[in-house]
């Protein structure tokens, strides 16, 4: 994965995580914020993928200027986030994220509004409320009825001074039963020695960030931990974790320490606006092309993610 592309992908992940932190928790079945009951969707991966693509195109078709869809983010099939509803532990969800590229950054807000309008016309519902369109970089989260796919159209900041952004659309399916047997995807994600080296790099960077933040590690949340991922740009290791909740002053101090660490260690540092009121840090290590993001959230936690690319051409199994 090229450095600038990885930075864009991680910045998008950072924004998506920040939105999730201040919104409801999707349990994959239309329930939010601690819902305890849900039912398993009667779909499979192929159907979920087709429906997710349909929802994206419902939003994108007719946009002017017409964007180019660039698929990004983690691999589409992942564990179901509903773990406290009594459902089977092996359920999965399909997740699809596209950046809307090839258009001026000044048009990002208009693209997000177009997506919102298209989904409203189809009768889809807001997860909480409509976006604040007076903001320069709005986001909107909605869900389909009756099949209950959840989607977000958001604007990431590229240049705040010029009002330029990067629009993206993400769709998540309801939970459904994983098909039995191994798949081509699981085989493609089998661990290699190169994966282990990338994993060591990611964990080492995470340790240095932990030391810089000087904040205690929280218990792992859904979606956190370390994993091997692959997208259209390449293969990489992603490690995500969170601190325990901090006060506003403690958060500001921890973020300042993280920024000082990155700058002193030679990382290239960027700031990305989030809904938490305090910008996130996205940094790139020029030596090994790892990308780190450190993002405050409305819950008071600071969320950390480190992504290290797996070197190509090294395929010997561990």
C-alpha atoms as a PDB file:
ATOM      1  CA  UNK A   1       0.000   0.000   0.000  1.00  0.00           C
ATOM      2  CA  UNK A   2       1.408   3.410  -0.938  1.00  0.00           C
ATOM      3  CA  UNK A   3       2.046   5.761   2.026  1.00  0.00           C
ATOM      4  CA  UNK A   4      -0.455   8.443   1.016  1.00  0.00           C
ATOM      5  CA  UNK A   5      -3.129   5.830   0.380  1.00  0.00           C
ATOM      6  CA  UNK A   6      -2.552   4.226   3.775  1.00  0.00           C
ATOM      7  CA  UNK A   7      -2.788   7.609   5.488  1.00  0.00           C
ATOM      8  CA  UNK A   8      -6.131   8.247   3.762  1.00  0.00           C
ATOM      9  CA  UNK A   9      -7.429   4.809   4.726  1.00  0.00           C
ATOM     10  CA  UNK A  10      -6.441   5.172   8.376  1.00  0.00           C
ATOM     11  CA  UNK A  11      -7.811   8.708   8.549  1.00  0.00           C
ATOM     12  CA  UNK A  12     -11.107   7.326   7.270  1.00  0.00           C
ATOM     13  CA  UNK A  13     -11.052   4.549   9.866  1.00  0.00           C
ATOM     14  CA  UNK A  14     -10.339   7.142  12.525  1.00  0.00           C
ATOM     15  CA  UNK A  15     -13.332   9.224  11.472  1.00  0.00           C
ATOM     16  CA  UNK A  16     -15.594   6.187  11.327  1.00  0.00           C
ATOM     17  CA  UNK A  17     -14.529   5.168  14.844  1.00  0.00           C
ATOM     18  CA  UNK A  18     -15.166   8.670  16.139  1.00  0.00           C
ATOM     19  CA  UNK A  19     -18.669   8.644  14.668  1.00  0.00           C
ATOM     20  CA  UNK A  20     -19.393   5.289  16.285  1.00  0.00           C
ATOM     21  CA  UNK A  21     -18.211   6.603  19.637  1.00  0.00           C
ATOM     22  CA  UNK A  22     -20.782   9.405  19.691  1.00  0.00           C
ATOM     23  CA  UNK A  23     -23.670   7.465  18.168  1.00  0.00           C
ATOM     24  CA  UNK A  24     -25.638   4.341  19.007  1.00  0.00           C
ATOM     25  CA  UNK A  25     -24.062   0.906  19.081  1.00  0.00           C
ATOM     26  CA  UNK A  26     -25.303  -1.126  16.142  1.00  0.00           C
ATOM     27  CA  UNK A  27     -26.044  -4.691  17.106  1.00  0.00           C
ATOM     28  CA  UNK A  28     -26.638  -5.720  13.517  1.00  0.00           C
ATOM     29  CA  UNK A  29     -30.381  -6.026  13.951  1.00  0.00           C
ATOM     30  CA  UNK A  30     -31.664  -2.480  14.310  1.00  0.00           C
ATOM     31  CA  UNK A  31     -31.230  -2.169  18.034  1.00  0.00           C
ATOM     32  CA  UNK A  32     -29.036   0.422  19.722  1.00  0.00           C
ATOM     33  CA  UNK A  33     -27.378   1.205  23.017  1.00  0.00           C
ATOM     34  CA  UNK A  34     -27.457  -2.083  24.893  1.00  0.00           C
ATOM     35  CA  UNK A  35     -30.261  -3.861  23.066  1.00  0.00           C
ATOM     36  CA  UNK A  36     -30.491  -7.375  24.486  1.00  0.00           C
ATOM     37  CA  UNK A  37     -32.625  -9.092  21.901  1.00  0.00           C
ATOM     38  CA  UNK A  38     -32.004  -9.678  18.222  1.00  0.00           C
ATOM     39  CA  UNK A  39     -32.605 -12.234  15.550  1.00  0.00           C
ATOM     40  CA  UNK A  40     -30.242 -13.644  13.006  1.00  0.00           C
ATOM     41  CA  UNK A  41     -30.730 -12.375   9.460  1.00  0.00           C
ATOM     42  CA  UNK A  42     -31.583 -15.010   6.856  1.00  0.00           C
ATOM     43  CA  UNK A  43     -28.993 -13.904   4.334  1.00  0.00           C
ATOM     44  CA  UNK A  44     -25.575 -15.130   3.278  1.00  0.00           C
ATOM     45  CA  UNK A  45     -22.338 -13.364   2.418  1.00  0.00           C
ATOM     46  CA  UNK A  46     -23.124 -13.117  -1.293  1.00  0.00           C
ATOM     47  CA  UNK A  47     -26.532 -11.578  -0.638  1.00  0.00           C
ATOM     48  CA  UNK A  48     -25.123  -9.195   1.970  1.00  0.00           C
ATOM     49  CA  UNK A  49     -22.399  -8.056  -0.426  1.00  0.00           C
ATOM     50  CA  UNK A  50     -24.882  -7.472  -3.242  1.00  0.00           C
ATOM     51  CA  UNK A  51     -27.231  -5.492  -1.002  1.00  0.00           C
ATOM     52  CA  UNK A  52     -24.385  -3.385   0.421  1.00  0.00           C
ATOM     53  CA  UNK A  53     -23.232  -2.514  -3.088  1.00  0.00           C
ATOM     54  CA  UNK A  54     -26.821  -1.639  -4.010  1.00  0.00           C
ATOM     55  CA  UNK A  55     -27.126   0.762  -1.056  1.00  0.00           C
ATOM     56  CA  UNK A  56     -23.860   2.466  -2.025  1.00  0.00           C
ATOM     57  CA  UNK A  57     -25.009   2.923  -5.621  1.00  0.00           C
ATOM     58  CA  UNK A  58     -28.403   4.182  -4.497  1.00  0.00           C
ATOM     59  CA  UNK A  59     -26.481   6.999  -2.820  1.00  0.00           C
ATOM     60  CA  UNK A  60     -23.901   7.592  -5.547  1.00  0.00           C
ATOM     61  CA  UNK A  61     -25.914   7.327  -8.767  1.00  0.00           C
ATOM     62  CA  UNK A  62     -26.715  10.763 -10.122  1.00  0.00           C
ATOM     63  CA  UNK A  63     -24.026  12.582  -8.155  1.00  0.00           C
ATOM     64  CA  UNK A  64     -22.551  15.622  -9.867  1.00  0.00           C
ATOM     65  CA  UNK A  65     -19.658  15.707 -10.292  1.00  0.00           C
ATOM     66  CA  UNK A  66     -19.593  11.931 -10.624  1.00  0.00           C
ATOM     67  CA  UNK A  67     -17.077  10.399  -8.196  1.00  0.00           C
ATOM     68  CA  UNK A  68     -14.939   7.308  -8.651  1.00  0.00           C
ATOM     69  CA  UNK A  69     -15.558   4.636  -6.033  1.00  0.00           C
ATOM     70  CA  UNK A  70     -12.348   3.524  -4.327  1.00  0.00           C
ATOM     71  CA  UNK A  71     -12.832   0.570  -2.029  1.00  0.00           C
ATOM     72  CA  UNK A  72     -10.889   0.845   1.198  1.00  0.00           C
ATOM     73  CA  UNK A  73     -10.759  -0.228   4.819  1.00  0.00           C
ATOM     74  CA  UNK A  74     -10.609  -3.660   6.414  1.00  0.00           C
ATOM     75  CA  UNK A  75     -11.674  -6.893   4.750  1.00  0.00           C
ATOM     76  CA  UNK A  76     -15.453  -6.970   4.224  1.00  0.00           C
ATOM     77  CA  UNK A  77     -16.391  -9.994   6.346  1.00  0.00           C
ATOM     78  CA  UNK A  78     -15.934  -9.613  10.104  1.00  0.00           C
ATOM     79  CA  UNK A  79     -17.272 -10.830  13.420  1.00  0.00           C
ATOM     80  CA  UNK A  80     -20.763  -9.750  14.438  1.00  0.00           C
ATOM     81  CA  UNK A  81     -20.610  -6.921  16.982  1.00  0.00           C
ATOM     82  CA  UNK A  82     -23.704  -8.217  18.851  1.00  0.00           C
ATOM     83  CA  UNK A  83     -22.159 -10.373  21.573  1.00  0.00           C
ATOM     84  CA  UNK A  84     -24.618  -9.876  24.430  1.00  0.00           C
ATOM     85  CA  UNK A  85     -27.891 -10.839  22.793  1.00  0.00           C
ATOM     86  CA  UNK A  86     -27.764 -14.601  23.215  1.00  0.00           C
ATOM     87  CA  UNK A  87     -27.020 -15.191  19.540  1.00  0.00           C
ATOM     88  CA  UNK A  88     -24.499 -17.629  18.113  1.00  0.00           C
ATOM     89  CA  UNK A  89     -20.865 -16.607  18.591  1.00  0.00           C
ATOM     90  CA  UNK A  90     -19.841 -17.475  15.029  1.00  0.00           C
ATOM     91  CA  UNK A  91     -22.088 -14.948  13.309  1.00  0.00           C
ATOM     92  CA  UNK A  92     -20.546 -12.413  10.937  1.00  0.00           C
ATOM     93  CA  UNK A  93     -21.392  -9.093   9.286  1.00  0.00           C
ATOM     94  CA  UNK A  94     -20.505  -7.725   5.872  1.00  0.00           C
ATOM     95  CA  UNK A  95     -18.872  -4.297   5.892  1.00  0.00           C
ATOM     96  CA  UNK A  96     -18.185  -2.217   2.814  1.00  0.00           C
ATOM     97  CA  UNK A  97     -16.461   1.184   2.639  1.00  0.00           C
ATOM     98  CA  UNK A  98     -15.794   3.365  -0.383  1.00  0.00           C
ATOM     99  CA  UNK A  99     -13.989   6.667  -0.697  1.00  0.00           C
ATOM    100  CA  UNK A 100     -15.576   8.952  -3.300  1.00  0.00           C
ATOM    101  CA  UNK A 101     -12.519  10.092  -5.241  1.00  0.00           C
ATOM    102  CA  UNK A 102     -11.825  12.024  -8.413  1.00  0.00           C
ATOM    103  CA  UNK A 103     -13.824  15.133  -7.453  1.00  0.00           C
ATOM    104  CA  UNK A 104     -12.696  18.487  -6.000  1.00  0.00           C
ATOM    105  CA  UNK A 105     -12.375  18.465  -2.219  1.00  0.00           C
ATOM    106  CA  UNK A 106     -14.772  21.398  -2.051  1.00  0.00           C
ATOM    107  CA  UNK A 107     -17.562  19.089  -3.295  1.00  0.00           C
ATOM    108  CA  UNK A 108     -17.301  16.533  -0.475  1.00  0.00           C
ATOM    109  CA  UNK A 109     -20.132  18.106   1.555  1.00  0.00           C
ATOM    110  CA  UNK A 110     -22.421  18.137  -1.505  1.00  0.00           C
ATOM    111  CA  UNK A 111     -21.731  14.449  -2.125  1.00  0.00           C
ATOM    112  CA  UNK A 112     -22.696  13.545   1.446  1.00  0.00           C
ATOM    113  CA  UNK A 113     -25.897  15.605   1.147  1.00  0.00           C
ATOM    114  CA  UNK A 114     -26.744  13.861  -2.140  1.00  0.00           C
ATOM    115  CA  UNK A 115     -26.344  10.468  -0.444  1.00  0.00           C
ATOM    116  CA  UNK A 116     -28.617  11.586   2.402  1.00  0.00           C
ATOM    117  CA  UNK A 117     -31.300  12.837  -0.002  1.00  0.00           C
ATOM    118  CA  UNK A 118     -31.207   9.618  -2.054  1.00  0.00           C
ATOM    119  CA  UNK A 119     -31.612   7.432   1.022  1.00  0.00           C
ATOM    120  CA  UNK A 120     -34.431   9.596   2.424  1.00  0.00           C
ATOM    121  CA  UNK A 121     -36.350   9.273  -0.851  1.00  0.00           C
ATOM    122  CA  UNK A 122     -36.122   5.499  -0.524  1.00  0.00           C
ATOM    123  CA  UNK A 123     -37.697   5.640   2.937  1.00  0.00           C
ATOM    124  CA  UNK A 124     -34.585   4.807   4.908  1.00  0.00           C
ATOM    125  CA  UNK A 125     -34.449   6.066   8.492  1.00  0.00           C
ATOM    126  CA  UNK A 126     -31.973   8.195  10.431  1.00  0.00           C
ATOM    127  CA  UNK A 127     -30.163   6.361  13.215  1.00  0.00           C
ATOM    128  CA  UNK A 128     -30.540   9.371  15.492  1.00  0.00           C
ATOM    129  CA  UNK A 129     -31.005  12.693  13.692  1.00  0.00           C
ATOM    130  CA  UNK A 130     -30.060  14.412  10.465  1.00  0.00           C
ATOM    131  CA  UNK A 131     -26.611  15.917  10.048  1.00  0.00           C
ATOM    132  CA  UNK A 132     -25.894  19.509  11.016  1.00  0.00           C
ATOM    133  CA  UNK A 133     -25.536  20.906   7.503  1.00  0.00           C
ATOM    134  CA  UNK A 134     -24.187  24.204   8.800  1.00  0.00           C
ATOM    135  CA  UNK A 135     -20.963  22.341   9.561  1.00  0.00           C
ATOM    136  CA  UNK A 136     -18.242  22.344   6.932  1.00  0.00           C
ATOM    137  CA  UNK A 137     -17.661  18.589   7.275  1.00  0.00           C
ATOM    138  CA  UNK A 138     -20.974  16.847   8.087  1.00  0.00           C
ATOM    139  CA  UNK A 139     -21.799  13.165   8.460  1.00  0.00           C
ATOM    140  CA  UNK A 140     -25.083  11.282   8.353  1.00  0.00           C
ATOM    141  CA  UNK A 141     -25.942   7.791   9.650  1.00  0.00           C
ATOM    142  CA  UNK A 142     -29.039   5.902   8.485  1.00  0.00           C
ATOM    143  CA  UNK A 143     -30.505   2.397   8.243  1.00  0.00           C
ATOM    144  CA  UNK A 144     -32.609   0.584   5.681  1.00  0.00           C
ATOM    145  CA  UNK A 145     -36.046  -0.887   6.268  1.00  0.00           C
ATOM    146  CA  UNK A 146     -37.048  -3.646   6.524  1.00  0.00           C
ATOM    147  CA  UNK A 147     -33.725  -5.471   5.947  1.00  0.00           C
ATOM    148  CA  UNK A 148     -31.831  -3.302   8.466  1.00  0.00           C
ATOM    149  CA  UNK A 149     -28.519  -2.479   6.838  1.00  0.00           C
ATOM    150  CA  UNK A 150     -26.754   0.457   8.489  1.00  0.00           C
ATOM    151  CA  UNK A 151     -24.836   3.060   6.519  1.00  0.00           C
ATOM    152  CA  UNK A 152     -22.877   6.249   7.037  1.00  0.00           C
ATOM    153  CA  UNK A 153     -21.935   9.004   4.602  1.00  0.00           C
ATOM    154  CA  UNK A 154     -19.207  11.164   6.053  1.00  0.00           C
ATOM    155  CA  UNK A 155     -16.777  13.921   5.203  1.00  0.00           C
ATOM    156  CA  UNK A 156     -13.181  13.718   6.359  1.00  0.00           C
ATOM    157  CA  UNK A 157     -11.021  16.831   6.505  1.00  0.00           C
ATOM    158  CA  UNK A 158      -8.333  17.228   3.854  1.00  0.00           C
ATOM    159  CA  UNK A 159      -7.701  20.973   4.184  1.00  0.00           C
ATOM    160  CA  UNK A 160      -9.739  22.812   6.815  1.00  0.00           C
ATOM    161  CA  UNK A 161      -8.529  26.253   5.747  1.00  0.00           C
ATOM    162  CA  UNK A 162      -9.760  25.689   2.189  1.00  0.00           C
ATOM    163  CA  UNK A 163     -12.875  23.755   3.250  1.00  0.00           C
ATOM    164  CA  UNK A 164     -11.761  20.682   1.316  1.00  0.00           C
ATOM    165  CA  UNK A 165     -12.786  17.203   2.411  1.00  0.00           C
ATOM    166  CA  UNK A 166     -12.897  13.549   1.429  1.00  0.00           C
ATOM    167  CA  UNK A 167     -16.337  11.943   1.198  1.00  0.00           C
ATOM    168  CA  UNK A 168     -16.856   8.276   1.997  1.00  0.00           C
ATOM    169  CA  UNK A 169     -19.733   5.814   2.355  1.00  0.00           C
ATOM    170  CA  UNK A 170     -19.744   2.784   4.655  1.00  0.00           C
ATOM    171  CA  UNK A 171     -22.425   0.055   4.812  1.00  0.00           C
ATOM    172  CA  UNK A 172     -22.772  -2.721   7.429  1.00  0.00           C
ATOM    173  CA  UNK A 173     -25.140  -5.674   7.100  1.00  0.00           C
ATOM    174  CA  UNK A 174     -27.167  -7.370   9.847  1.00  0.00           C
ATOM    175  CA  UNK A 175     -25.550 -10.380  11.528  1.00  0.00           C
ATOM    176  CA  UNK A 176     -25.857 -13.677   9.720  1.00  0.00           C
ATOM    177  CA  UNK A 177     -24.576 -17.227  10.030  1.00  0.00           C
ATOM    178  CA  UNK A 178     -21.104 -17.903   8.692  1.00  0.00           C
ATOM    179  CA  UNK A 179     -20.993 -20.492   5.921  1.00  0.00           C
ATOM    180  CA  UNK A 180     -19.308 -23.746   6.986  1.00  0.00           C
ATOM    181  CA  UNK A 181     -15.876 -24.803   5.837  1.00  0.00           C
ATOM    182  CA  UNK A 182     -12.824 -22.789   4.858  1.00  0.00           C
ATOM    183  CA  UNK A 183     -13.052 -20.068   2.246  1.00  0.00           C
ATOM    184  CA  UNK A 184     -10.660 -18.588  -0.253  1.00  0.00           C
ATOM    185  CA  UNK A 185     -10.569 -15.451   1.888  1.00  0.00           C
ATOM    186  CA  UNK A 186      -9.549 -17.311   5.049  1.00  0.00           C
ATOM    187  CA  UNK A 187      -6.858 -19.152   3.107  1.00  0.00           C
ATOM    188  CA  UNK A 188      -5.577 -15.864   1.701  1.00  0.00           C
ATOM    189  CA  UNK A 189      -5.292 -14.501   5.239  1.00  0.00           C
ATOM    190  CA  UNK A 190      -3.257 -17.444   6.581  1.00  0.00           C
ATOM    191  CA  UNK A 191      -0.354 -16.181   8.712  1.00  0.00           C
ATOM    192  CA  UNK A 192       3.140 -15.953   7.219  1.00  0.00           C
ATOM    193  CA  UNK A 193       6.549 -15.004   8.566  1.00  0.00           C
ATOM    194  CA  UNK A 194       6.114 -11.612   6.915  1.00  0.00           C
ATOM    195  CA  UNK A 195       2.831 -11.209   8.800  1.00  0.00           C
ATOM    196  CA  UNK A 196       4.600 -11.927  12.078  1.00  0.00           C
ATOM    197  CA  UNK A 197       7.284  -9.330  11.351  1.00  0.00           C
ATOM    198  CA  UNK A 198       4.608  -6.724  10.567  1.00  0.00           C
ATOM    199  CA  UNK A 199       2.770  -7.752  13.740  1.00  0.00           C
ATOM    200  CA  UNK A 200       5.914  -7.180  15.828  1.00  0.00           C
ATOM    201  CA  UNK A 201       6.336  -3.721  14.261  1.00  0.00           C
ATOM    202  CA  UNK A 202       2.721  -2.768  14.971  1.00  0.00           C
ATOM    203  CA  UNK A 203       2.898  -3.979  18.581  1.00  0.00           C
ATOM    204  CA  UNK A 204       6.223  -2.199  19.151  1.00  0.00           C
ATOM    205  CA  UNK A 205       4.759   1.080  17.880  1.00  0.00           C
ATOM    206  CA  UNK A 206       1.688   0.571  20.063  1.00  0.00           C
ATOM    207  CA  UNK A 207       3.946   0.089  23.107  1.00  0.00           C
ATOM    208  CA  UNK A 208       5.778   3.354  22.426  1.00  0.00           C
ATOM    209  CA  UNK A 209       2.458   5.200  22.037  1.00  0.00           C
ATOM    210  CA  UNK A 210       1.187   3.663  25.283  1.00  0.00           C
ATOM    211  CA  UNK A 211       4.281   4.917  27.095  1.00  0.00           C
ATOM    212  CA  UNK A 212       3.809   8.388  25.606  1.00  0.00           C
ATOM    213  CA  UNK A 213       0.125   8.671  26.521  1.00  0.00           C
ATOM    214  CA  UNK A 214       0.760   7.739  30.176  1.00  0.00           C
ATOM    215  CA  UNK A 215      -2.831   6.509  30.476  1.00  0.00           C
ATOM    216  CA  UNK A 216      -3.984   3.081  31.613  1.00  0.00           C
ATOM    217  CA  UNK A 217      -5.100   0.517  29.028  1.00  0.00           C
ATOM    218  CA  UNK A 218      -8.827  -0.310  29.038  1.00  0.00           C
ATOM    219  CA  UNK A 219     -10.256  -3.807  28.655  1.00  0.00           C
ATOM    220  CA  UNK A 220     -10.505  -4.769  24.958  1.00  0.00           C
ATOM    221  CA  UNK A 221     -13.672  -3.612  23.201  1.00  0.00           C
ATOM    222  CA  UNK A 222     -15.458  -5.254  20.301  1.00  0.00           C
ATOM    223  CA  UNK A 223     -13.350  -4.818  17.196  1.00  0.00           C
ATOM    224  CA  UNK A 224     -10.128  -4.136  19.107  1.00  0.00           C
ATOM    225  CA  UNK A 225      -7.033  -6.310  19.214  1.00  0.00           C
ATOM    226  CA  UNK A 226      -4.660  -7.318  16.449  1.00  0.00           C
ATOM    227  CA  UNK A 227      -5.481  -8.845  13.100  1.00  0.00           C
ATOM    228  CA  UNK A 228      -4.270  -9.370   9.545  1.00  0.00           C
ATOM    229  CA  UNK A 229      -6.265  -7.535   6.898  1.00  0.00           C
ATOM    230  CA  UNK A 230      -6.210  -7.247   3.151  1.00  0.00           C
ATOM    231  CA  UNK A 231      -7.790  -4.794   0.742  1.00  0.00           C
ATOM    232  CA  UNK A 232      -7.323  -3.820  -2.892  1.00  0.00           C
ATOM    233  CA  UNK A 233      -4.083  -1.987  -2.060  1.00  0.00           C
ATOM    234  CA  UNK A 234      -2.291  -4.712  -0.125  1.00  0.00           C
ATOM    235  CA  UNK A 235      -1.971  -6.659   3.094  1.00  0.00           C
ATOM    236  CA  UNK A 236      -1.326  -5.225   6.531  1.00  0.00           C
ATOM    237  CA  UNK A 237      -1.512  -5.811  10.286  1.00  0.00           C
ATOM    238  CA  UNK A 238      -3.877  -3.602  12.292  1.00  0.00           C
ATOM    239  CA  UNK A 239      -3.682  -3.232  16.100  1.00  0.00           C
ATOM    240  CA  UNK A 240      -6.396  -1.259  17.908  1.00  0.00           C
ATOM    241  CA  UNK A 241      -6.886  -0.516  21.619  1.00  0.00           C
ATOM    242  CA  UNK A 242      -8.259   2.163  23.952  1.00  0.00           C
ATOM    243  CA  UNK A 243      -7.291   3.904  27.156  1.00  0.00           C
ATOM    244  CA  UNK A 244      -9.521   4.079  30.192  1.00  0.00           C
ATOM    245  CA  UNK A 245     -11.802   7.173  30.288  1.00  0.00           C
ATOM    246  CA  UNK A 246      -9.926  10.422  30.928  1.00  0.00           C
ATOM    247  CA  UNK A 247     -11.000  13.901  31.922  1.00  0.00           C
ATOM    248  CA  UNK A 248     -10.899  16.613  29.263  1.00  0.00           C
ATOM    249  CA  UNK A 249      -7.686  18.001  30.759  1.00  0.00           C
ATOM    250  CA  UNK A 250      -6.098  14.541  30.958  1.00  0.00           C
ATOM    251  CA  UNK A 251      -7.067  13.867  27.348  1.00  0.00           C
ATOM    252  CA  UNK A 252      -5.487  17.113  26.157  1.00  0.00           C
ATOM    253  CA  UNK A 253      -2.287  16.315  28.050  1.00  0.00           C
ATOM    254  CA  UNK A 254      -2.165  12.747  26.720  1.00  0.00           C
ATOM    255  CA  UNK A 255      -2.704  13.922  23.131  1.00  0.00           C
ATOM    256  CA  UNK A 256       0.058  16.524  23.552  1.00  0.00           C
ATOM    257  CA  UNK A 257       2.440  13.835  24.818  1.00  0.00           C
ATOM    258  CA  UNK A 258       1.568  11.590  21.876  1.00  0.00           C
ATOM    259  CA  UNK A 259       2.223  14.421  19.421  1.00  0.00           C
ATOM    260  CA  UNK A 260       5.565  15.165  21.069  1.00  0.00           C
ATOM    261  CA  UNK A 261       6.540  11.495  20.848  1.00  0.00           C
ATOM    262  CA  UNK A 262       5.678  11.219  17.146  1.00  0.00           C
ATOM    263  CA  UNK A 263       7.539  14.404  16.252  1.00  0.00           C
ATOM    264  CA  UNK A 264      10.632  13.489  18.286  1.00  0.00           C
ATOM    265  CA  UNK A 265      10.674   9.990  16.749  1.00  0.00           C
ATOM    266  CA  UNK A 266      10.570  11.378  13.204  1.00  0.00           C
ATOM    267  CA  UNK A 267       6.979  10.499  12.299  1.00  0.00           C
ATOM    268  CA  UNK A 268       5.087  12.742   9.876  1.00  0.00           C
ATOM    269  CA  UNK A 269       2.137  14.121  11.838  1.00  0.00           C
ATOM    270  CA  UNK A 270      -1.287  15.269  10.629  1.00  0.00           C
ATOM    271  CA  UNK A 271      -4.366  16.373  12.547  1.00  0.00           C
ATOM    272  CA  UNK A 272      -7.837  15.163  11.578  1.00  0.00           C
ATOM    273  CA  UNK A 273     -11.040  16.752  12.868  1.00  0.00           C
ATOM    274  CA  UNK A 274     -13.488  14.480  14.699  1.00  0.00           C
ATOM    275  CA  UNK A 275     -16.873  14.864  16.347  1.00  0.00           C
ATOM    276  CA  UNK A 276     -15.217  14.684  19.781  1.00  0.00           C
ATOM    277  CA  UNK A 277     -14.178  18.348  19.688  1.00  0.00           C
ATOM    278  CA  UNK A 278     -10.447  17.625  19.841  1.00  0.00           C
ATOM    279  CA  UNK A 279      -8.579  16.641  16.646  1.00  0.00           C
ATOM    280  CA  UNK A 280      -7.156  13.171  16.206  1.00  0.00           C
ATOM    281  CA  UNK A 281      -3.524  12.553  15.318  1.00  0.00           C
ATOM    282  CA  UNK A 282      -2.634  10.560  12.223  1.00  0.00           C
ATOM    283  CA  UNK A 283       1.103   9.872  11.898  1.00  0.00           C
ATOM    284  CA  UNK A 284       3.251   7.976   9.401  1.00  0.00           C
ATOM    285  CA  UNK A 285       6.589   6.318  10.046  1.00  0.00           C
ATOM    286  CA  UNK A 286       8.777   6.949   6.986  1.00  0.00           C
ATOM    287  CA  UNK A 287      11.107   4.044   7.809  1.00  0.00           C
ATOM    288  CA  UNK A 288       8.609   1.164   7.794  1.00  0.00           C
ATOM    289  CA  UNK A 289       5.513   2.952   6.375  1.00  0.00           C
ATOM    290  CA  UNK A 290       3.439   2.184   9.476  1.00  0.00           C
ATOM    291  CA  UNK A 291       0.541   4.546  10.145  1.00  0.00           C
ATOM    292  CA  UNK A 292      -0.810   5.331  13.613  1.00  0.00           C
ATOM    293  CA  UNK A 293      -3.942   7.170  14.661  1.00  0.00           C
ATOM    294  CA  UNK A 294      -4.661   8.467  18.159  1.00  0.00           C
ATOM    295  CA  UNK A 295      -8.238   9.709  18.504  1.00  0.00           C
ATOM    296  CA  UNK A 296     -10.151  11.139  21.486  1.00  0.00           C
ATOM    297  CA  UNK A 297     -13.803  10.119  21.849  1.00  0.00           C
ATOM    298  CA  UNK A 298     -16.948  11.441  23.497  1.00  0.00           C
ATOM    299  CA  UNK A 299     -16.709   8.656  26.093  1.00  0.00           C
ATOM    300  CA  UNK A 300     -13.412  10.073  27.390  1.00  0.00           C
ATOM    301  CA  UNK A 301     -11.311   7.206  26.067  1.00  0.00           C
ATOM    302  CA  UNK A 302      -8.446   7.749  23.659  1.00  0.00           C
ATOM    303  CA  UNK A 303      -8.524   5.211  20.840  1.00  0.00           C
ATOM    304  CA  UNK A 304      -5.291   4.059  19.278  1.00  0.00           C
ATOM    305  CA  UNK A 305      -4.751   2.128  16.056  1.00  0.00           C
ATOM    306  CA  UNK A 306      -1.490   1.159  14.374  1.00  0.00           C
ATOM    307  CA  UNK A 307      -1.326  -0.277  10.869  1.00  0.00           C
ATOM    308  CA  UNK A 308       1.882  -1.829   9.516  1.00  0.00           C
ATOM    309  CA  UNK A 309       2.146  -3.078   5.927  1.00  0.00           C
ATOM    310  CA  UNK A 310       3.250  -6.641   5.276  1.00  0.00           C
ATOM    311  CA  UNK A 311       6.299  -6.773   3.022  1.00  0.00           C
ATOM    312  CA  UNK A 312       5.446  -8.174  -0.384  1.00  0.00           C
ATOM    313  CA  UNK A 313       7.269 -11.171  -1.769  1.00  0.00           C
ATOM    314  CA  UNK A 314       7.761 -12.803   1.635  1.00  0.00           C
ATOM    315  CA  UNK A 315       5.294 -15.671   1.687  1.00  0.00           C
ATOM    316  CA  UNK A 316       7.027 -18.409   3.660  1.00  0.00           C
ATOM    317  CA  UNK A 317       4.654 -19.805   6.244  1.00  0.00           C
ATOM    318  CA  UNK A 318       5.364 -19.400   9.916  1.00  0.00           C
END
